[in-house]
Amino acid sequence: RDGYVVHLNGSETYLLNRFEVGKPIAYRINPEPTRTDASFWQNVSGAIGAGPTLVVNGAVRTDPASEGFVDPKILTGSGARSAIGVTADRTLLLVTVPGATIDELARIMAQLGARDAMNLDGGASSGLYANGQMLTTPGRLLSNALVVYRR
């Protein structure tokens, strides 16, 4: 009650020694924005934590390890993946693929015209629903979703 559940598995288990049942913990997000101009950040109404980066200014840029990713599923593995990107004309791209490495996904996003793109969750969490139909069915029940709608 009024606490946290910390779930670690696979390659994350090395973090277990940071936690002890009954001991207080805190959760803090410290984003390090690449944009420092105040006018940009004053217009931000929401943000998503995801990654790694796939495309920057139209060029494929993948270096998951330098962004702090350590899981082999991200570094070298291939699997179902989801990505978000934006084109130069500000068209939003929401993409799922049944199997790709991070490098392959980055190339796909660049081929689709992404000026900037980022990997989202993957594996059984990859799902895409659009225009009244499930285009990619996730392999499990999802606890959260990114929803885009017209006002």
N, C-alpha and C. Protein backbone atom coordinates (compact mmCIF):
# COMPACT_ATOMS: atom_id res chain seq x y z
N ARG A 1 0.84 -1.18 0.00
CA ARG A 1 0.00 0.00 0.00
C ARG A 1 0.88 1.24 0.00
N ASP A 2 0.55 2.19 -0.86
CA ASP A 2 1.32 3.44 -0.98
C ASP A 2 2.79 3.19 -1.23
N GLY A 3 3.10 2.14 -1.98
CA GLY A 3 4.50 1.83 -2.25
C GLY A 3 4.72 1.52 -3.71
N TYR A 4 5.79 0.84 -3.99
CA TYR A 4 6.17 0.49 -5.35
C TYR A 4 6.29 -1.01 -5.50
N VAL A 5 6.05 -1.47 -6.69
CA VAL A 5 6.39 -2.84 -7.06
C VAL A 5 7.50 -2.71 -8.09
N VAL A 6 8.63 -3.28 -7.80
CA VAL A 6 9.77 -3.24 -8.72
C VAL A 6 9.86 -4.62 -9.36
N HIS A 7 9.67 -4.66 -10.68
CA HIS A 7 9.69 -5.93 -11.41
C HIS A 7 10.92 -5.95 -12.30
N LEU A 8 11.81 -6.87 -12.03
CA LEU A 8 13.03 -7.01 -12.83
C LEU A 8 13.13 -8.46 -13.28
N ASN A 9 13.51 -8.66 -14.55
CA ASN A 9 13.74 -10.02 -15.02
C ASN A 9 14.79 -10.01 -16.11
N GLY A 10 15.22 -11.17 -16.50
CA GLY A 10 16.21 -11.28 -17.58
C GLY A 10 17.47 -10.50 -17.27
N SER A 11 17.88 -9.68 -18.22
CA SER A 11 19.13 -8.94 -18.08
C SER A 11 19.04 -7.82 -17.05
N GLU A 12 17.83 -7.53 -16.53
CA GLU A 12 17.67 -6.46 -15.54
C GLU A 12 17.99 -6.92 -14.12
N THR A 13 18.11 -8.22 -13.89
CA THR A 13 18.27 -8.72 -12.52
C THR A 13 19.53 -8.21 -11.83
N TYR A 14 20.49 -7.71 -12.58
CA TYR A 14 21.69 -7.15 -11.94
C TYR A 14 21.34 -5.94 -11.07
N LEU A 15 20.16 -5.37 -11.26
CA LEU A 15 19.73 -4.21 -10.48
C LEU A 15 19.12 -4.57 -9.13
N LEU A 16 18.89 -5.87 -8.89
CA LEU A 16 18.22 -6.30 -7.66
C LEU A 16 18.90 -5.81 -6.39
N ASN A 17 20.22 -5.73 -6.40
CA ASN A 17 20.92 -5.34 -5.18
C ASN A 17 20.68 -3.88 -4.80
N ARG A 18 20.01 -3.12 -5.65
CA ARG A 18 19.69 -1.72 -5.34
C ARG A 18 18.44 -1.60 -4.47
N PHE A 19 17.70 -2.68 -4.30
CA PHE A 19 16.42 -2.62 -3.60
C PHE A 19 16.39 -3.62 -2.45
N GLU A 20 15.73 -3.22 -1.37
CA GLU A 20 15.53 -4.10 -0.23
C GLU A 20 14.10 -3.94 0.24
N VAL A 21 13.39 -5.05 0.41
CA VAL A 21 12.00 -5.00 0.83
C VAL A 21 11.89 -4.21 2.13
N GLY A 22 10.95 -3.26 2.17
CA GLY A 22 10.71 -2.45 3.35
C GLY A 22 11.52 -1.17 3.41
N LYS A 23 12.53 -1.04 2.60
CA LYS A 23 13.35 0.18 2.59
C LYS A 23 12.71 1.20 1.65
N PRO A 24 12.73 2.48 2.03
CA PRO A 24 12.15 3.52 1.16
C PRO A 24 12.95 3.66 -0.14
N ILE A 25 12.23 3.96 -1.21
CA ILE A 25 12.87 4.25 -2.48
C ILE A 25 12.21 5.50 -3.07
N ALA A 26 12.84 6.09 -4.03
CA ALA A 26 12.29 7.25 -4.72
C ALA A 26 12.45 7.03 -6.22
N TYR A 27 11.57 7.63 -6.95
CA TYR A 27 11.61 7.54 -8.41
C TYR A 27 11.67 8.94 -8.95
N ARG A 28 12.70 9.22 -9.74
CA ARG A 28 12.89 10.56 -10.27
C ARG A 28 13.33 10.45 -11.72
N ILE A 29 12.77 11.27 -12.56
CA ILE A 29 13.16 11.31 -13.97
C ILE A 29 13.98 12.58 -14.18
N ASN A 30 15.16 12.41 -14.74
CA ASN A 30 16.03 13.54 -15.04
C ASN A 30 16.29 13.59 -16.54
N PRO A 31 15.37 14.15 -17.31
CA PRO A 31 15.62 14.22 -18.75
C PRO A 31 16.77 15.16 -19.05
N GLU A 32 17.53 14.79 -20.08
CA GLU A 32 18.62 15.65 -20.53
C GLU A 32 18.29 16.07 -21.95
N PRO A 33 17.53 17.15 -22.09
CA PRO A 33 17.08 17.55 -23.43
C PRO A 33 18.24 17.99 -24.31
N THR A 34 18.12 17.67 -25.58
CA THR A 34 19.13 18.13 -26.54
C THR A 34 18.81 19.53 -27.03
N ARG A 35 17.58 19.97 -26.81
CA ARG A 35 17.17 21.34 -27.17
C ARG A 35 17.21 22.18 -25.90
N THR A 36 17.89 23.29 -25.93
CA THR A 36 17.99 24.12 -24.74
C THR A 36 17.24 25.44 -24.87
N ASP A 37 16.72 25.75 -26.08
CA ASP A 37 15.99 27.01 -26.23
C ASP A 37 14.66 26.94 -25.49
N ALA A 38 14.43 27.91 -24.61
CA ALA A 38 13.26 27.91 -23.74
C ALA A 38 11.96 27.91 -24.53
N SER A 39 11.92 28.58 -25.68
CA SER A 39 10.67 28.66 -26.45
C SER A 39 10.20 27.28 -26.89
N PHE A 40 11.13 26.37 -27.20
CA PHE A 40 10.75 25.02 -27.59
C PHE A 40 10.06 24.32 -26.44
N TRP A 41 10.66 24.32 -25.25
CA TRP A 41 10.14 23.59 -24.11
C TRP A 41 8.87 24.21 -23.53
N GLN A 42 8.63 25.50 -23.74
CA GLN A 42 7.39 26.11 -23.27
C GLN A 42 6.18 25.58 -24.02
N ASN A 43 6.38 25.05 -25.22
CA ASN A 43 5.27 24.53 -26.01
C ASN A 43 5.05 23.04 -25.84
N VAL A 44 5.88 22.37 -25.05
CA VAL A 44 5.74 20.93 -24.84
C VAL A 44 4.65 20.70 -23.81
N SER A 45 3.64 19.89 -24.18
CA SER A 45 2.56 19.59 -23.24
C SER A 45 2.64 18.16 -22.71
N GLY A 46 3.47 17.33 -23.30
CA GLY A 46 3.63 15.96 -22.85
C GLY A 46 4.86 15.35 -23.47
N ALA A 47 5.35 14.29 -22.85
CA ALA A 47 6.56 13.64 -23.36
C ALA A 47 6.47 12.14 -23.08
N ILE A 48 7.19 11.36 -23.86
CA ILE A 48 7.24 9.92 -23.69
C ILE A 48 8.69 9.52 -23.50
N GLY A 49 8.93 8.65 -22.55
CA GLY A 49 10.26 8.08 -22.38
C GLY A 49 10.34 6.79 -23.18
N ALA A 50 11.22 6.72 -24.13
CA ALA A 50 11.35 5.55 -24.98
C ALA A 50 12.76 5.54 -25.54
N GLY A 51 12.99 4.67 -26.49
CA GLY A 51 14.28 4.65 -27.14
C GLY A 51 14.67 3.24 -27.51
N PRO A 52 15.76 3.11 -28.18
CA PRO A 52 16.72 4.14 -28.51
C PRO A 52 16.32 4.96 -29.74
N THR A 53 17.12 6.00 -29.95
CA THR A 53 16.95 6.87 -31.11
C THR A 53 17.21 6.09 -32.38
N LEU A 54 16.41 6.37 -33.42
CA LEU A 54 16.57 5.68 -34.70
C LEU A 54 17.05 6.61 -35.82
N VAL A 55 16.43 7.77 -35.94
CA VAL A 55 16.73 8.71 -37.01
C VAL A 55 16.81 10.12 -36.42
N VAL A 56 17.83 10.88 -36.83
CA VAL A 56 17.99 12.27 -36.40
C VAL A 56 18.25 13.11 -37.63
N ASN A 57 17.41 14.12 -37.84
CA ASN A 57 17.56 15.01 -39.00
C ASN A 57 17.68 14.25 -40.31
N GLY A 58 16.91 13.18 -40.45
CA GLY A 58 16.86 12.41 -41.68
C GLY A 58 17.94 11.35 -41.84
N ALA A 59 18.88 11.29 -40.90
CA ALA A 59 19.98 10.31 -40.99
C ALA A 59 19.80 9.21 -39.95
N VAL A 60 20.06 7.97 -40.35
CA VAL A 60 20.01 6.85 -39.42
C VAL A 60 21.08 7.07 -38.36
N ARG A 61 20.68 7.03 -37.10
CA ARG A 61 21.60 7.23 -35.98
C ARG A 61 21.24 6.25 -34.88
N THR A 62 21.90 5.12 -34.86
CA THR A 62 21.63 4.14 -33.82
C THR A 62 22.90 3.86 -33.03
N ASP A 63 22.81 4.06 -31.74
CA ASP A 63 23.89 3.72 -30.81
C ASP A 63 23.26 3.47 -29.44
N PRO A 64 22.48 2.37 -29.34
CA PRO A 64 21.74 2.11 -28.11
C PRO A 64 22.62 2.06 -26.85
N ALA A 65 23.82 1.52 -26.96
CA ALA A 65 24.69 1.41 -25.79
C ALA A 65 25.03 2.79 -25.23
N SER A 66 25.26 3.77 -26.11
CA SER A 66 25.61 5.11 -25.62
C SER A 66 24.41 5.79 -24.96
N GLU A 67 23.21 5.29 -25.23
CA GLU A 67 22.00 5.84 -24.59
C GLU A 67 21.68 5.08 -23.30
N GLY A 68 22.52 4.12 -22.93
CA GLY A 68 22.33 3.41 -21.67
C GLY A 68 21.59 2.09 -21.79
N PHE A 69 21.28 1.63 -23.00
CA PHE A 69 20.60 0.36 -23.17
C PHE A 69 21.61 -0.78 -23.05
N VAL A 70 21.24 -1.82 -22.29
CA VAL A 70 22.15 -2.94 -22.06
C VAL A 70 21.55 -4.28 -22.47
N ASP A 71 20.24 -4.34 -22.65
CA ASP A 71 19.57 -5.60 -22.96
C ASP A 71 19.93 -6.06 -24.37
N PRO A 72 20.38 -7.31 -24.53
CA PRO A 72 20.71 -7.83 -25.86
C PRO A 72 19.53 -7.76 -26.84
N LYS A 73 18.29 -7.78 -26.31
CA LYS A 73 17.12 -7.65 -27.20
C LYS A 73 17.15 -6.31 -27.93
N ILE A 74 17.71 -5.30 -27.31
CA ILE A 74 17.82 -3.97 -27.93
C ILE A 74 19.13 -3.86 -28.70
N LEU A 75 20.21 -4.32 -28.11
CA LEU A 75 21.53 -4.12 -28.72
C LEU A 75 21.73 -4.93 -30.00
N THR A 76 21.30 -6.19 -30.01
CA THR A 76 21.60 -7.03 -31.17
C THR A 76 20.42 -7.87 -31.65
N GLY A 77 19.41 -8.02 -30.81
CA GLY A 77 18.31 -8.94 -31.13
C GLY A 77 17.36 -8.43 -32.19
N SER A 78 16.62 -9.37 -32.75
CA SER A 78 15.58 -9.07 -33.73
C SER A 78 14.25 -9.50 -33.15
N GLY A 79 13.24 -8.69 -33.35
CA GLY A 79 11.92 -9.04 -32.83
C GLY A 79 10.89 -8.05 -33.30
N ALA A 80 9.66 -8.27 -32.87
CA ALA A 80 8.59 -7.32 -33.17
C ALA A 80 8.94 -5.99 -32.52
N ARG A 81 8.70 -4.92 -33.25
CA ARG A 81 9.07 -3.59 -32.75
C ARG A 81 8.02 -2.57 -33.15
N SER A 82 7.98 -1.49 -32.38
CA SER A 82 7.12 -0.35 -32.67
C SER A 82 8.00 0.89 -32.70
N ALA A 83 7.63 1.86 -33.52
CA ALA A 83 8.41 3.09 -33.61
C ALA A 83 7.49 4.27 -33.88
N ILE A 84 7.97 5.44 -33.52
CA ILE A 84 7.28 6.68 -33.80
C ILE A 84 8.26 7.61 -34.49
N GLY A 85 7.75 8.37 -35.46
CA GLY A 85 8.61 9.31 -36.17
C GLY A 85 7.79 10.45 -36.73
N VAL A 86 8.50 11.43 -37.23
CA VAL A 86 7.86 12.58 -37.86
C VAL A 86 8.64 12.91 -39.12
N THR A 87 7.91 13.23 -40.19
CA THR A 87 8.55 13.59 -41.45
C THR A 87 8.83 15.09 -41.47
N ALA A 88 9.53 15.54 -42.50
CA ALA A 88 9.86 16.96 -42.63
C ALA A 88 8.61 17.81 -42.72
N ASP A 89 7.53 17.27 -43.29
CA ASP A 89 6.28 18.05 -43.38
C ASP A 89 5.38 17.83 -42.16
N ARG A 90 5.95 17.28 -41.09
CA ARG A 90 5.29 17.08 -39.80
C ARG A 90 4.21 16.00 -39.81
N THR A 91 4.31 15.05 -40.75
CA THR A 91 3.42 13.90 -40.75
C THR A 91 3.90 12.93 -39.68
N LEU A 92 2.98 12.47 -38.84
CA LEU A 92 3.31 11.54 -37.78
C LEU A 92 3.35 10.13 -38.34
N LEU A 93 4.40 9.38 -38.05
CA LEU A 93 4.52 7.98 -38.45
C LEU A 93 4.43 7.11 -37.21
N LEU A 94 3.48 6.19 -37.18
CA LEU A 94 3.38 5.18 -36.13
C LEU A 94 3.54 3.84 -36.85
N VAL A 95 4.56 3.08 -36.51
CA VAL A 95 4.96 1.92 -37.29
C VAL A 95 5.15 0.71 -36.39
N THR A 96 4.70 -0.45 -36.85
CA THR A 96 5.04 -1.73 -36.21
C THR A 96 5.62 -2.64 -37.28
N VAL A 97 6.56 -3.47 -36.88
CA VAL A 97 7.13 -4.47 -37.77
C VAL A 97 7.16 -5.80 -37.03
N PRO A 98 6.97 -6.91 -37.74
CA PRO A 98 6.94 -8.21 -37.06
C PRO A 98 8.31 -8.70 -36.61
N GLY A 99 9.38 -8.21 -37.22
CA GLY A 99 10.71 -8.64 -36.83
C GLY A 99 11.78 -7.75 -37.43
N ALA A 100 12.61 -7.15 -36.59
CA ALA A 100 13.70 -6.30 -37.07
C ALA A 100 14.66 -6.04 -35.92
N THR A 101 15.91 -5.78 -36.26
CA THR A 101 16.87 -5.27 -35.28
C THR A 101 16.63 -3.77 -35.18
N ILE A 102 17.27 -3.13 -34.22
CA ILE A 102 17.16 -1.67 -34.09
C ILE A 102 17.70 -0.99 -35.35
N ASP A 103 18.83 -1.48 -35.87
CA ASP A 103 19.39 -0.89 -37.10
C ASP A 103 18.44 -1.04 -38.28
N GLU A 104 17.81 -2.21 -38.40
CA GLU A 104 16.86 -2.43 -39.50
C GLU A 104 15.64 -1.52 -39.34
N LEU A 105 15.15 -1.37 -38.11
CA LEU A 105 14.01 -0.49 -37.87
C LEU A 105 14.36 0.95 -38.21
N ALA A 106 15.56 1.37 -37.88
CA ALA A 106 16.00 2.73 -38.21
C ALA A 106 15.99 2.95 -39.72
N ARG A 107 16.48 1.97 -40.47
CA ARG A 107 16.49 2.10 -41.93
C ARG A 107 15.06 2.13 -42.48
N ILE A 108 14.16 1.35 -41.90
CA ILE A 108 12.76 1.36 -42.33
C ILE A 108 12.16 2.75 -42.09
N MET A 109 12.41 3.31 -40.93
CA MET A 109 11.86 4.64 -40.63
C MET A 109 12.42 5.69 -41.57
N ALA A 110 13.71 5.61 -41.88
CA ALA A 110 14.30 6.56 -42.83
C ALA A 110 13.69 6.39 -44.21
N GLN A 111 13.48 5.14 -44.64
CA GLN A 111 12.86 4.89 -45.96
C GLN A 111 11.43 5.41 -46.02
N LEU A 112 10.76 5.44 -44.88
CA LEU A 112 9.39 5.98 -44.83
C LEU A 112 9.38 7.50 -44.80
N GLY A 113 10.56 8.11 -44.74
CA GLY A 113 10.66 9.56 -44.78
C GLY A 113 10.78 10.23 -43.43
N ALA A 114 11.07 9.47 -42.38
CA ALA A 114 11.20 10.07 -41.05
C ALA A 114 12.36 11.05 -41.01
N ARG A 115 12.09 12.24 -40.51
CA ARG A 115 13.16 13.20 -40.23
C ARG A 115 13.76 12.86 -38.87
N ASP A 116 12.89 12.48 -37.93
CA ASP A 116 13.31 12.06 -36.60
C ASP A 116 12.45 10.86 -36.21
N ALA A 117 13.06 9.87 -35.54
CA ALA A 117 12.31 8.69 -35.15
C ALA A 117 12.93 8.05 -33.91
N MET A 118 12.06 7.34 -33.17
CA MET A 118 12.48 6.68 -31.95
C MET A 118 11.79 5.33 -31.82
N ASN A 119 12.51 4.37 -31.29
CA ASN A 119 11.95 3.06 -30.99
C ASN A 119 11.01 3.18 -29.79
N LEU A 120 9.88 2.49 -29.86
CA LEU A 120 8.97 2.38 -28.73
C LEU A 120 9.11 0.98 -28.16
N ASP A 121 8.15 0.53 -27.37
CA ASP A 121 8.21 -0.82 -26.82
C ASP A 121 8.08 -1.84 -27.95
N GLY A 122 8.51 -3.04 -27.71
CA GLY A 122 8.46 -4.07 -28.75
C GLY A 122 7.99 -5.39 -28.22
N GLY A 123 8.31 -6.43 -28.95
CA GLY A 123 7.91 -7.78 -28.56
C GLY A 123 6.40 -7.92 -28.51
N ALA A 124 5.92 -8.57 -27.48
CA ALA A 124 4.48 -8.79 -27.33
C ALA A 124 3.72 -7.50 -27.06
N SER A 125 4.43 -6.40 -26.77
CA SER A 125 3.78 -5.11 -26.55
C SER A 125 3.48 -4.36 -27.84
N SER A 126 4.00 -4.83 -28.96
CA SER A 126 3.76 -4.13 -30.23
C SER A 126 2.34 -4.36 -30.71
N GLY A 127 1.62 -3.28 -30.83
CA GLY A 127 0.26 -3.34 -31.34
C GLY A 127 -0.05 -2.04 -32.06
N LEU A 128 -0.94 -2.11 -33.04
CA LEU A 128 -1.32 -0.91 -33.77
C LEU A 128 -2.78 -1.02 -34.18
N TYR A 129 -3.57 -0.07 -33.73
CA TYR A 129 -5.00 0.00 -34.03
C TYR A 129 -5.23 1.31 -34.77
N ALA A 130 -5.84 1.26 -35.94
CA ALA A 130 -6.10 2.48 -36.71
C ALA A 130 -7.34 2.30 -37.56
N ASN A 131 -8.08 3.38 -37.72
CA ASN A 131 -9.26 3.40 -38.58
C ASN A 131 -10.23 2.26 -38.27
N GLY A 132 -10.42 1.97 -36.99
CA GLY A 132 -11.40 0.98 -36.58
C GLY A 132 -10.97 -0.47 -36.67
N GLN A 133 -9.69 -0.71 -36.92
CA GLN A 133 -9.26 -2.11 -36.99
C GLN A 133 -7.87 -2.30 -36.42
N MET A 134 -7.65 -3.49 -35.90
CA MET A 134 -6.34 -3.86 -35.36
C MET A 134 -5.43 -4.24 -36.52
N LEU A 135 -4.41 -3.44 -36.76
CA LEU A 135 -3.47 -3.71 -37.84
C LEU A 135 -2.36 -4.65 -37.38
N THR A 136 -1.92 -4.48 -36.13
CA THR A 136 -0.94 -5.38 -35.51
C THR A 136 -1.49 -5.74 -34.14
N THR A 137 -1.77 -7.00 -33.93
CA THR A 137 -2.34 -7.45 -32.66
C THR A 137 -1.22 -7.73 -31.67
N PRO A 138 -1.26 -7.09 -30.49
CA PRO A 138 -0.23 -7.36 -29.49
C PRO A 138 -0.34 -8.79 -28.99
N GLY A 139 0.76 -9.31 -28.49
CA GLY A 139 0.80 -10.68 -28.02
C GLY A 139 0.41 -10.83 -26.55
N ARG A 140 -0.01 -9.73 -25.92
CA ARG A 140 -0.42 -9.77 -24.52
C ARG A 140 -1.36 -8.61 -24.25
N LEU A 141 -2.01 -8.63 -23.08
CA LEU A 141 -2.83 -7.50 -22.67
C LEU A 141 -1.89 -6.33 -22.38
N LEU A 142 -2.27 -5.13 -22.79
CA LEU A 142 -1.42 -3.96 -22.61
C LEU A 142 -1.92 -3.10 -21.46
N SER A 143 -1.01 -2.58 -20.67
CA SER A 143 -1.38 -1.73 -19.54
C SER A 143 -1.38 -0.25 -19.89
N ASN A 144 -0.82 0.10 -21.04
CA ASN A 144 -0.84 1.50 -21.47
C ASN A 144 -0.77 1.55 -22.98
N ALA A 145 -1.08 2.73 -23.51
CA ALA A 145 -1.11 2.89 -24.96
C ALA A 145 -0.85 4.35 -25.30
N LEU A 146 -0.29 4.57 -26.45
CA LEU A 146 -0.14 5.89 -27.01
C LEU A 146 -1.34 6.09 -27.93
N VAL A 147 -2.16 7.09 -27.65
CA VAL A 147 -3.38 7.31 -28.42
C VAL A 147 -3.26 8.65 -29.14
N VAL A 148 -3.51 8.62 -30.43
CA VAL A 148 -3.48 9.85 -31.24
C VAL A 148 -4.87 9.99 -31.85
N TYR A 149 -5.46 11.17 -31.71
CA TYR A 149 -6.81 11.39 -32.26
C TYR A 149 -6.92 12.82 -32.76
N ARG A 150 -7.88 13.03 -33.66
CA ARG A 150 -8.15 14.38 -34.17
C ARG A 150 -9.09 15.09 -33.22
N ARG A 151 -8.87 16.37 -33.02
CA ARG A 151 -9.79 17.16 -32.18
C ARG A 151 -10.95 17.65 -33.00
